[in-house]
Amino acid sequence: MNTESPYQTSTLELAIQRTRLAEERTYNAWLRTGMTTMGFGLALAKFFTDVEPLWLLQLLAVSFVLGGGITVLLAFYTHYQRCKEYGAINAIHTPIWVSGGLSILLILITALVLTLVLI
């Protein structure tokens, strides 16, 4: 008689699942950091318009937005590489194309808003 439960999962499989979830949490933390940095750049451009010289403020705002965008791109690249390492590209969790698409969409929307704010 088979006493093994059909719901039993191997220790290795559980470790891979924990690693994948930890990687997703780390990716989300870097996304939050990048979004916050981009938001700070947008806030600078929008609310501190009376600062002189204006070009310095605009340069600072663009730098924050670019820095946040680079953070988001590097976060996605690192997330993708880590998922490839343990074969979790097509895992049950968030598909990698969704993560990448959202990262690119976030950067494009922020760039558009910054352009509209600085015009």
Protein backbone atom coordinates (compact mmCIF):
# COMPACT_ATOMS: atom_id res chain seq x y z
CA MET A 1 0.00 0.00 0.00
CA ASN A 2 1.27 3.46 -0.93
CA THR A 3 1.51 5.66 2.18
CA GLU A 4 2.88 8.64 0.29
CA SER A 5 0.56 11.64 0.11
CA PRO A 6 -0.19 12.96 -3.39
CA TYR A 7 0.39 16.46 -2.00
CA GLN A 8 3.93 15.77 -0.84
CA THR A 9 6.52 18.02 -2.43
CA SER A 10 10.23 17.37 -2.46
CA THR A 11 12.52 19.51 -0.36
CA LEU A 12 14.36 20.72 -3.44
CA GLU A 13 11.14 21.81 -5.12
CA LEU A 14 10.07 23.71 -2.01
CA ALA A 15 13.48 25.40 -1.83
CA ILE A 16 13.17 26.49 -5.47
CA GLN A 17 9.68 27.87 -4.80
CA ARG A 18 10.95 29.82 -1.77
CA THR A 19 13.85 31.16 -3.83
CA ARG A 20 11.49 32.22 -6.60
CA LEU A 21 9.20 34.02 -4.15
CA ALA A 22 12.17 35.73 -2.49
CA GLU A 23 13.38 36.85 -5.91
CA GLU A 24 9.95 38.29 -6.70
CA ARG A 25 9.94 40.20 -3.40
CA THR A 26 13.39 41.60 -4.17
CA TYR A 27 12.29 42.56 -7.68
CA ASN A 28 9.23 44.32 -6.29
CA ALA A 29 11.38 46.21 -3.78
CA TRP A 30 13.65 47.46 -6.57
CA LEU A 31 10.60 48.43 -8.63
CA ARG A 32 9.28 50.46 -5.69
CA THR A 33 12.67 52.14 -5.33
CA GLY A 34 12.78 53.02 -9.03
CA MET A 35 9.21 54.30 -9.04
CA THR A 36 9.86 56.41 -5.96
CA THR A 37 12.96 57.92 -7.54
CA MET A 38 11.05 58.72 -10.74
CA GLY A 39 8.19 60.19 -8.73
CA PHE A 40 10.60 62.40 -6.81
CA GLY A 41 11.99 63.69 -10.09
CA LEU A 42 8.48 64.46 -11.33
CA ALA A 43 7.63 66.22 -8.07
CA LEU A 44 10.76 68.37 -8.38
CA ALA A 45 9.81 69.37 -11.91
CA LYS A 46 6.20 70.12 -11.03
CA PHE A 47 6.30 71.84 -7.64
CA PHE A 48 9.59 73.75 -7.56
CA THR A 49 9.14 75.86 -10.69
CA ASP A 50 10.17 79.14 -9.03
CA VAL A 51 13.71 77.97 -8.22
CA GLU A 52 16.55 79.75 -10.00
CA PRO A 53 18.32 78.68 -12.16
CA LEU A 54 15.50 76.68 -13.72
CA TRP A 55 17.79 74.60 -15.93
CA LEU A 56 19.49 73.18 -12.84
CA LEU A 57 16.15 72.08 -11.41
CA GLN A 58 15.16 70.51 -14.72
CA LEU A 59 18.49 68.72 -14.96
CA LEU A 60 18.05 67.38 -11.44
CA ALA A 61 14.49 66.23 -12.19
CA VAL A 62 15.54 64.48 -15.39
CA SER A 63 18.45 62.86 -13.55
CA PHE A 64 16.12 61.43 -10.92
CA VAL A 65 13.72 60.11 -13.56
CA LEU A 66 16.56 58.58 -15.59
CA GLY A 67 18.08 57.08 -12.44
CA GLY A 68 14.73 55.54 -11.51
CA GLY A 69 14.28 54.20 -15.04
CA ILE A 70 17.73 52.63 -15.01
CA THR A 71 16.95 51.11 -11.61
CA VAL A 72 13.76 49.54 -13.00
CA LEU A 73 15.59 48.18 -16.06
CA LEU A 74 18.43 46.74 -13.98
CA ALA A 75 15.93 45.22 -11.56
CA PHE A 76 14.17 43.47 -14.42
CA TYR A 77 17.43 42.29 -15.98
CA THR A 78 18.67 40.88 -12.68
CA HIS A 79 15.29 39.27 -12.00
CA TYR A 80 15.32 37.66 -15.43
CA GLN A 81 18.87 36.34 -14.99
CA ARG A 82 18.07 34.85 -11.57
CA CYS A 83 14.94 33.17 -12.89
CA LYS A 84 16.96 31.65 -15.74
CA GLU A 85 19.46 30.26 -13.24
CA TYR A 86 16.95 27.99 -11.58
CA GLY A 87 14.61 27.44 -14.52
CA ALA A 88 11.69 29.47 -13.27
CA ILE A 89 11.06 31.45 -16.46
CA ASN A 90 7.75 29.69 -17.11
CA ALA A 91 6.85 29.09 -13.47
CA ILE A 92 3.34 29.26 -12.05
CA HIS A 93 4.07 32.67 -10.54
CA THR A 94 4.14 35.93 -12.49
CA PRO A 95 5.33 35.23 -16.05
CA ILE A 96 8.55 36.99 -16.97
CA TRP A 97 6.97 38.76 -19.96
CA VAL A 98 4.45 40.42 -17.62
CA SER A 99 7.26 41.71 -15.39
CA GLY A 100 9.24 43.00 -18.36
CA GLY A 101 6.23 44.56 -20.05
CA LEU A 102 5.18 46.37 -16.90
CA SER A 103 8.72 47.65 -16.35
CA ILE A 104 8.92 49.09 -19.85
CA LEU A 105 5.40 50.52 -19.64
CA LEU A 106 6.24 52.20 -16.33
CA ILE A 107 9.32 53.85 -17.80
CA LEU A 108 7.48 55.04 -20.91
CA ILE A 109 4.59 56.54 -18.95
CA THR A 110 6.96 58.33 -16.59
CA ALA A 111 8.99 59.70 -19.50
CA LEU A 112 5.79 60.96 -21.14
CA VAL A 113 4.61 62.64 -17.94
CA LEU A 114 8.02 64.24 -17.40
CA THR A 115 7.96 65.57 -20.96
CA LEU A 116 4.52 67.07 -20.41
CA VAL A 117 5.56 68.60 -17.09
CA LEU A 118 8.74 70.20 -18.46
CA ILE A 119 7.09 71.66 -21.58
